[in-house]
């Protein structure tokens, strides 16, 4: 018998997760970028324990149809390209279709989504990469909400390299700040353990974003310069 074997899907996804997901901030970056690609102009991020135990990203984007909500967690499943020729004209923030699969492989995920044309939304629960632990019809607003719990619970080697909660929170604030600064037309809110730490208006004014994040003095210095 040879020494080379084909890895199972869960193992492949966990390896991919190590490449895509380094820490809670990576999860949030991937999910917020997906929200932006979905046309959202209002995004709320909630975290607890530096995002290690709890992350929730809610948007008012176009939502995911019922027929797609399960396949969205498969590797290389994406709505952003259809063939190799389109790689030359990609305009979205991501297109590989690995983010949700990688996140779900190393955490417990609950996703609720509804499109404008649907009367009700649907919720799907994925634990450790096992698709369709639960799926049910639910009432919700148009858009998508994703809850990620217990990050790296089944990959202890990755978990032990995480920093203290406040350090991981700092990485998350940095990611949200960068995204907010280049997307002044999107209202972005970051809530850390029940406290709002970043909130932008989405009015398209970069000066307003700077004021919201850095305060009056920094905003005035940048405006003056």
C-alpha atoms as a PDB file:
ATOM      1  CA  UNK A   1       0.000   0.000   0.000  1.00  0.00           C
ATOM      2  CA  UNK A   2       1.352   3.428  -0.930  1.00  0.00           C
ATOM      3  CA  UNK A   3       2.049   6.268   1.466  1.00  0.00           C
ATOM      4  CA  UNK A   4       0.089   8.927  -0.398  1.00  0.00           C
ATOM      5  CA  UNK A   5      -3.590   9.325   0.519  1.00  0.00           C
ATOM      6  CA  UNK A   6      -6.350  11.749  -0.410  1.00  0.00           C
ATOM      7  CA  UNK A   7      -7.313  13.935   2.536  1.00  0.00           C
ATOM      8  CA  UNK A   8     -10.947  14.122   3.604  1.00  0.00           C
ATOM      9  CA  UNK A   9     -12.892  17.344   3.095  1.00  0.00           C
ATOM     10  CA  UNK A  10     -12.845  18.386   6.766  1.00  0.00           C
ATOM     11  CA  UNK A  11      -9.051  18.052   6.959  1.00  0.00           C
ATOM     12  CA  UNK A  12      -8.684  20.008   3.707  1.00  0.00           C
ATOM     13  CA  UNK A  13     -10.931  22.759   5.059  1.00  0.00           C
ATOM     14  CA  UNK A  14      -8.997  22.959   8.325  1.00  0.00           C
ATOM     15  CA  UNK A  15      -5.729  23.309   6.399  1.00  0.00           C
ATOM     16  CA  UNK A  16      -7.319  26.015   4.239  1.00  0.00           C
ATOM     17  CA  UNK A  17      -8.555  27.712   7.406  1.00  0.00           C
ATOM     18  CA  UNK A  18      -4.978  27.993   8.610  1.00  0.00           C
ATOM     19  CA  UNK A  19      -4.132  29.850   5.401  1.00  0.00           C
ATOM     20  CA  UNK A  20      -7.188  32.120   5.332  1.00  0.00           C
ATOM     21  CA  UNK A  21      -8.010  32.557   9.042  1.00  0.00           C
ATOM     22  CA  UNK A  22      -5.157  33.597  11.313  1.00  0.00           C
ATOM     23  CA  UNK A  23      -7.177  35.169  14.117  1.00  0.00           C
ATOM     24  CA  UNK A  24     -10.630  36.667  14.856  1.00  0.00           C
ATOM     25  CA  UNK A  25      -9.728  39.796  12.886  1.00  0.00           C
ATOM     26  CA  UNK A  26      -9.263  37.611   9.792  1.00  0.00           C
ATOM     27  CA  UNK A  27     -12.773  36.201  10.212  1.00  0.00           C
ATOM     28  CA  UNK A  28     -14.244  39.685  10.483  1.00  0.00           C
ATOM     29  CA  UNK A  29     -12.301  40.991   7.496  1.00  0.00           C
ATOM     30  CA  UNK A  30     -13.574  38.148   5.308  1.00  0.00           C
ATOM     31  CA  UNK A  31     -17.181  38.495   6.457  1.00  0.00           C
ATOM     32  CA  UNK A  32     -17.321  42.293   6.219  1.00  0.00           C
ATOM     33  CA  UNK A  33     -15.833  42.160   2.725  1.00  0.00           C
ATOM     34  CA  UNK A  34     -18.539  39.655   1.783  1.00  0.00           C
ATOM     35  CA  UNK A  35     -21.123  42.095   3.136  1.00  0.00           C
ATOM     36  CA  UNK A  36     -19.679  44.899   1.031  1.00  0.00           C
ATOM     37  CA  UNK A  37     -19.708  42.683  -2.061  1.00  0.00           C
ATOM     38  CA  UNK A  38     -23.382  41.945  -1.288  1.00  0.00           C
ATOM     39  CA  UNK A  39     -24.155  45.650  -1.639  1.00  0.00           C
ATOM     40  CA  UNK A  40     -24.637  46.413   2.044  1.00  0.00           C
ATOM     41  CA  UNK A  41     -24.505  50.046   3.150  1.00  0.00           C
ATOM     42  CA  UNK A  42     -25.030  49.273   6.823  1.00  0.00           C
ATOM     43  CA  UNK A  43     -22.836  46.716   8.628  1.00  0.00           C
ATOM     44  CA  UNK A  44     -22.688  45.941  12.343  1.00  0.00           C
ATOM     45  CA  UNK A  45     -19.926  43.845  13.927  1.00  0.00           C
ATOM     46  CA  UNK A  46     -20.330  42.544  17.480  1.00  0.00           C
ATOM     47  CA  UNK A  47     -17.586  40.737  19.417  1.00  0.00           C
ATOM     48  CA  UNK A  48     -16.934  39.216  22.830  1.00  0.00           C
ATOM     49  CA  UNK A  49     -13.620  38.072  24.293  1.00  0.00           C
ATOM     50  CA  UNK A  50     -11.664  39.613  21.449  1.00  0.00           C
ATOM     51  CA  UNK A  51     -13.801  37.733  18.945  1.00  0.00           C
ATOM     52  CA  UNK A  52     -12.539  34.364  20.188  1.00  0.00           C
ATOM     53  CA  UNK A  53     -15.808  33.234  21.761  1.00  0.00           C
ATOM     54  CA  UNK A  54     -18.285  35.321  19.757  1.00  0.00           C
ATOM     55  CA  UNK A  55     -18.458  37.278  16.505  1.00  0.00           C
ATOM     56  CA  UNK A  56     -21.611  38.532  14.827  1.00  0.00           C
ATOM     57  CA  UNK A  57     -21.692  40.393  11.519  1.00  0.00           C
ATOM     58  CA  UNK A  58     -25.035  41.754  10.347  1.00  0.00           C
ATOM     59  CA  UNK A  59     -25.641  43.539   7.042  1.00  0.00           C
ATOM     60  CA  UNK A  60     -28.475  44.874   4.902  1.00  0.00           C
ATOM     61  CA  UNK A  61     -27.076  43.484   1.656  1.00  0.00           C
ATOM     62  CA  UNK A  62     -28.965  41.546  -0.993  1.00  0.00           C
ATOM     63  CA  UNK A  63     -29.023  38.353   1.075  1.00  0.00           C
ATOM     64  CA  UNK A  64     -28.545  34.731   0.038  1.00  0.00           C
ATOM     65  CA  UNK A  65     -31.378  32.802  -1.672  1.00  0.00           C
ATOM     66  CA  UNK A  66     -32.646  29.645   0.003  1.00  0.00           C
ATOM     67  CA  UNK A  67     -31.220  27.481  -2.782  1.00  0.00           C
ATOM     68  CA  UNK A  68     -27.714  28.869  -2.164  1.00  0.00           C
ATOM     69  CA  UNK A  69     -27.550  29.035   1.613  1.00  0.00           C
ATOM     70  CA  UNK A  70     -26.151  25.516   2.024  1.00  0.00           C
ATOM     71  CA  UNK A  71     -23.712  25.507  -0.882  1.00  0.00           C
ATOM     72  CA  UNK A  72     -22.301  28.824   0.361  1.00  0.00           C
ATOM     73  CA  UNK A  73     -20.319  26.811   2.927  1.00  0.00           C
ATOM     74  CA  UNK A  74     -18.703  24.529   0.354  1.00  0.00           C
ATOM     75  CA  UNK A  75     -15.098  25.128  -0.721  1.00  0.00           C
ATOM     76  CA  UNK A  76     -14.680  27.241  -3.859  1.00  0.00           C
ATOM     77  CA  UNK A  77     -18.388  28.029  -3.898  1.00  0.00           C
ATOM     78  CA  UNK A  78     -18.783  31.648  -5.010  1.00  0.00           C
ATOM     79  CA  UNK A  79     -21.228  33.950  -6.750  1.00  0.00           C
ATOM     80  CA  UNK A  80     -18.467  36.294  -7.879  1.00  0.00           C
ATOM     81  CA  UNK A  81     -16.959  34.448 -10.851  1.00  0.00           C
ATOM     82  CA  UNK A  82     -18.138  31.747 -13.225  1.00  0.00           C
ATOM     83  CA  UNK A  83     -14.998  30.754 -15.142  1.00  0.00           C
ATOM     84  CA  UNK A  84     -11.238  31.380 -15.413  1.00  0.00           C
ATOM     85  CA  UNK A  85     -11.734  34.097 -18.033  1.00  0.00           C
ATOM     86  CA  UNK A  86     -13.452  36.272 -15.424  1.00  0.00           C
ATOM     87  CA  UNK A  87     -10.348  36.309 -13.211  1.00  0.00           C
ATOM     88  CA  UNK A  88      -9.006  39.134 -15.367  1.00  0.00           C
ATOM     89  CA  UNK A  89     -11.970  41.380 -14.639  1.00  0.00           C
ATOM     90  CA  UNK A  90     -12.725  40.660 -10.968  1.00  0.00           C
ATOM     91  CA  UNK A  91     -14.069  43.754  -9.214  1.00  0.00           C
ATOM     92  CA  UNK A  92     -15.238  42.162  -5.953  1.00  0.00           C
ATOM     93  CA  UNK A  93     -13.199  42.125  -2.726  1.00  0.00           C
ATOM     94  CA  UNK A  94     -12.892  38.329  -2.868  1.00  0.00           C
ATOM     95  CA  UNK A  95     -13.660  35.566  -5.293  1.00  0.00           C
ATOM     96  CA  UNK A  96     -12.061  32.284  -4.165  1.00  0.00           C
ATOM     97  CA  UNK A  97     -15.087  31.068  -2.235  1.00  0.00           C
ATOM     98  CA  UNK A  98     -13.013  29.753   0.667  1.00  0.00           C
ATOM     99  CA  UNK A  99     -13.902  32.160   3.474  1.00  0.00           C
ATOM    100  CA  UNK A 100     -17.128  30.628   4.797  1.00  0.00           C
ATOM    101  CA  UNK A 101     -15.882  27.061   4.355  1.00  0.00           C
ATOM    102  CA  UNK A 102     -12.664  27.881   6.210  1.00  0.00           C
ATOM    103  CA  UNK A 103     -14.452  29.709   9.025  1.00  0.00           C
ATOM    104  CA  UNK A 104     -17.015  26.917   9.449  1.00  0.00           C
ATOM    105  CA  UNK A 105     -14.271  24.274   9.582  1.00  0.00           C
ATOM    106  CA  UNK A 106     -12.793  25.708  12.789  1.00  0.00           C
ATOM    107  CA  UNK A 107     -15.809  27.158  14.599  1.00  0.00           C
ATOM    108  CA  UNK A 108     -19.552  26.927  15.178  1.00  0.00           C
ATOM    109  CA  UNK A 109     -21.454  29.061  12.681  1.00  0.00           C
ATOM    110  CA  UNK A 110     -25.041  30.203  12.452  1.00  0.00           C
ATOM    111  CA  UNK A 111     -26.117  32.100   9.347  1.00  0.00           C
ATOM    112  CA  UNK A 112     -29.483  33.765   8.771  1.00  0.00           C
ATOM    113  CA  UNK A 113     -30.278  35.376   5.432  1.00  0.00           C
ATOM    114  CA  UNK A 114     -33.153  36.707   3.357  1.00  0.00           C
ATOM    115  CA  UNK A 115     -33.387  38.235  -0.102  1.00  0.00           C
ATOM    116  CA  UNK A 116     -35.805  41.042  -0.922  1.00  0.00           C
ATOM    117  CA  UNK A 117     -37.954  38.714  -3.028  1.00  0.00           C
ATOM    118  CA  UNK A 118     -38.381  36.109  -0.257  1.00  0.00           C
ATOM    119  CA  UNK A 119     -41.249  36.333   2.218  1.00  0.00           C
ATOM    120  CA  UNK A 120     -39.138  34.768   4.990  1.00  0.00           C
ATOM    121  CA  UNK A 121     -35.490  34.050   5.603  1.00  0.00           C
ATOM    122  CA  UNK A 122     -33.610  30.865   6.405  1.00  0.00           C
ATOM    123  CA  UNK A 123     -31.169  29.945   9.145  1.00  0.00           C
ATOM    124  CA  UNK A 124     -28.473  27.309   8.802  1.00  0.00           C
ATOM    125  CA  UNK A 125     -26.191  25.985  11.549  1.00  0.00           C
ATOM    126  CA  UNK A 126     -22.751  24.549  10.777  1.00  0.00           C
ATOM    127  CA  UNK A 127     -20.479  23.064  13.434  1.00  0.00           C
ATOM    128  CA  UNK A 128     -16.879  22.171  12.764  1.00  0.00           C
ATOM    129  CA  UNK A 129     -17.414  21.968   9.022  1.00  0.00           C
ATOM    130  CA  UNK A 130     -20.446  19.676   9.200  1.00  0.00           C
ATOM    131  CA  UNK A 131     -22.902  21.290   6.822  1.00  0.00           C
ATOM    132  CA  UNK A 132     -26.590  21.353   7.712  1.00  0.00           C
ATOM    133  CA  UNK A 133     -26.592  20.581  11.398  1.00  0.00           C
ATOM    134  CA  UNK A 134     -29.852  22.495  11.290  1.00  0.00           C
ATOM    135  CA  UNK A 135     -31.845  24.496   8.738  1.00  0.00           C
ATOM    136  CA  UNK A 136     -35.094  26.279   9.379  1.00  0.00           C
ATOM    137  CA  UNK A 137     -37.340  29.026   8.062  1.00  0.00           C
ATOM    138  CA  UNK A 138     -37.202  32.218  10.139  1.00  0.00           C
ATOM    139  CA  UNK A 139     -38.478  35.763  10.086  1.00  0.00           C
ATOM    140  CA  UNK A 140     -35.742  38.351   9.493  1.00  0.00           C
ATOM    141  CA  UNK A 141     -34.833  41.529   7.630  1.00  0.00           C
ATOM    142  CA  UNK A 142     -33.394  41.482   4.119  1.00  0.00           C
ATOM    143  CA  UNK A 143     -29.661  40.854   4.360  1.00  0.00           C
ATOM    144  CA  UNK A 144     -27.402  38.409   6.144  1.00  0.00           C
ATOM    145  CA  UNK A 145     -26.381  37.808   9.741  1.00  0.00           C
ATOM    146  CA  UNK A 146     -23.548  35.427  10.631  1.00  0.00           C
ATOM    147  CA  UNK A 147     -22.630  34.360  14.164  1.00  0.00           C
ATOM    148  CA  UNK A 148     -19.277  32.658  14.746  1.00  0.00           C
ATOM    149  CA  UNK A 149     -18.645  31.017  18.118  1.00  0.00           C
ATOM    150  CA  UNK A 150     -15.705  29.196  19.702  1.00  0.00           C
ATOM    151  CA  UNK A 151     -13.094  29.988  17.084  1.00  0.00           C
ATOM    152  CA  UNK A 152     -10.409  27.269  16.713  1.00  0.00           C
ATOM    153  CA  UNK A 153     -12.259  24.987  19.169  1.00  0.00           C
ATOM    154  CA  UNK A 154     -11.181  21.919  17.166  1.00  0.00           C
ATOM    155  CA  UNK A 155      -7.694  23.175  16.265  1.00  0.00           C
ATOM    156  CA  UNK A 156      -5.981  23.716  19.633  1.00  0.00           C
ATOM    157  CA  UNK A 157      -2.596  24.362  18.039  1.00  0.00           C
ATOM    158  CA  UNK A 158      -4.044  27.424  16.286  1.00  0.00           C
ATOM    159  CA  UNK A 159      -5.951  28.480  19.397  1.00  0.00           C
ATOM    160  CA  UNK A 160      -2.873  28.626  21.624  1.00  0.00           C
ATOM    161  CA  UNK A 161      -1.253  31.245  19.378  1.00  0.00           C
ATOM    162  CA  UNK A 162      -4.065  33.745  19.962  1.00  0.00           C
ATOM    163  CA  UNK A 163      -3.237  36.757  22.134  1.00  0.00           C
ATOM    164  CA  UNK A 164      -5.095  38.207  25.120  1.00  0.00           C
ATOM    165  CA  UNK A 165      -8.659  39.358  24.508  1.00  0.00           C
ATOM    166  CA  UNK A 166      -7.750  43.068  24.473  1.00  0.00           C
ATOM    167  CA  UNK A 167      -4.961  42.438  21.956  1.00  0.00           C
ATOM    168  CA  UNK A 168      -7.255  40.535  19.602  1.00  0.00           C
ATOM    169  CA  UNK A 169      -9.827  43.324  20.037  1.00  0.00           C
ATOM    170  CA  UNK A 170      -7.150  45.790  18.941  1.00  0.00           C
ATOM    171  CA  UNK A 171      -6.510  43.826  15.755  1.00  0.00           C
ATOM    172  CA  UNK A 172     -10.245  43.854  15.050  1.00  0.00           C
ATOM    173  CA  UNK A 173     -10.509  47.607  15.617  1.00  0.00           C
ATOM    174  CA  UNK A 174      -7.637  48.100  13.188  1.00  0.00           C
ATOM    175  CA  UNK A 175      -9.385  46.003  10.504  1.00  0.00           C
ATOM    176  CA  UNK A 176     -12.692  47.861  10.954  1.00  0.00           C
ATOM    177  CA  UNK A 177     -10.911  51.216  10.896  1.00  0.00           C
ATOM    178  CA  UNK A 178      -9.170  50.429   7.612  1.00  0.00           C
ATOM    179  CA  UNK A 179     -12.394  49.198   6.015  1.00  0.00           C
ATOM    180  CA  UNK A 180     -14.358  52.233   7.244  1.00  0.00           C
ATOM    181  CA  UNK A 181     -11.780  54.703   5.932  1.00  0.00           C
ATOM    182  CA  UNK A 182     -11.942  53.346   2.383  1.00  0.00           C
ATOM    183  CA  UNK A 183     -15.732  52.928   2.458  1.00  0.00           C
ATOM    184  CA  UNK A 184     -17.119  56.247   3.742  1.00  0.00           C
ATOM    185  CA  UNK A 185     -20.463  55.551   2.046  1.00  0.00           C
ATOM    186  CA  UNK A 186     -21.070  52.504   4.293  1.00  0.00           C
ATOM    187  CA  UNK A 187     -22.281  52.888   7.879  1.00  0.00           C
ATOM    188  CA  UNK A 188     -20.081  50.593   9.962  1.00  0.00           C
ATOM    189  CA  UNK A 189     -20.467  49.868  13.659  1.00  0.00           C
ATOM    190  CA  UNK A 190     -18.217  47.834  15.948  1.00  0.00           C
ATOM    191  CA  UNK A 191     -19.588  46.725  19.322  1.00  0.00           C
ATOM    192  CA  UNK A 192     -17.159  45.194  21.827  1.00  0.00           C
ATOM    193  CA  UNK A 193     -18.818  43.425  24.776  1.00  0.00           C
ATOM    194  CA  UNK A 194     -21.897  45.641  24.490  1.00  0.00           C
ATOM    195  CA  UNK A 195     -19.995  48.912  24.044  1.00  0.00           C
ATOM    196  CA  UNK A 196     -19.898  50.736  20.709  1.00  0.00           C
ATOM    197  CA  UNK A 197     -16.247  51.544  19.963  1.00  0.00           C
ATOM    198  CA  UNK A 198     -16.512  52.543  16.285  1.00  0.00           C
ATOM    199  CA  UNK A 199     -19.536  53.990  14.488  1.00  0.00           C
ATOM    200  CA  UNK A 200     -19.538  55.769  11.139  1.00  0.00           C
ATOM    201  CA  UNK A 201     -22.494  57.447   9.470  1.00  0.00           C
ATOM    202  CA  UNK A 202     -22.087  56.177   5.915  1.00  0.00           C
ATOM    203  CA  UNK A 203     -22.795  59.657   4.538  1.00  0.00           C
ATOM    204  CA  UNK A 204     -19.887  59.451   2.068  1.00  0.00           C
ATOM    205  CA  UNK A 205     -17.811  62.128   3.827  1.00  0.00           C
ATOM    206  CA  UNK A 206     -14.298  60.898   4.649  1.00  0.00           C
ATOM    207  CA  UNK A 207     -13.878  63.766   7.117  1.00  0.00           C
ATOM    208  CA  UNK A 208     -16.867  62.438   9.029  1.00  0.00           C
ATOM    209  CA  UNK A 209     -15.287  58.963   9.151  1.00  0.00           C
ATOM    210  CA  UNK A 210     -12.019  60.389  10.504  1.00  0.00           C
ATOM    211  CA  UNK A 211     -13.954  62.361  13.124  1.00  0.00           C
ATOM    212  CA  UNK A 212     -15.944  59.270  14.165  1.00  0.00           C
ATOM    213  CA  UNK A 213     -12.840  57.106  14.591  1.00  0.00           C
ATOM    214  CA  UNK A 214     -10.080  59.460  15.704  1.00  0.00           C
ATOM    215  CA  UNK A 215     -11.967  62.361  17.245  1.00  0.00           C
ATOM    216  CA  UNK A 216     -12.281  66.091  16.668  1.00  0.00           C
ATOM    217  CA  UNK A 217      -8.627  67.093  17.041  1.00  0.00           C
ATOM    218  CA  UNK A 218      -7.294  64.584  14.509  1.00  0.00           C
ATOM    219  CA  UNK A 219     -10.143  65.353  12.107  1.00  0.00           C
ATOM    220  CA  UNK A 220      -9.497  69.083  12.312  1.00  0.00           C
ATOM    221  CA  UNK A 221      -5.751  68.632  11.736  1.00  0.00           C
ATOM    222  CA  UNK A 222      -6.431  66.535   8.638  1.00  0.00           C
ATOM    223  CA  UNK A 223      -9.019  68.992   7.353  1.00  0.00           C
ATOM    224  CA  UNK A 224      -6.648  71.918   7.921  1.00  0.00           C
ATOM    225  CA  UNK A 225      -3.811  70.177   6.092  1.00  0.00           C
END
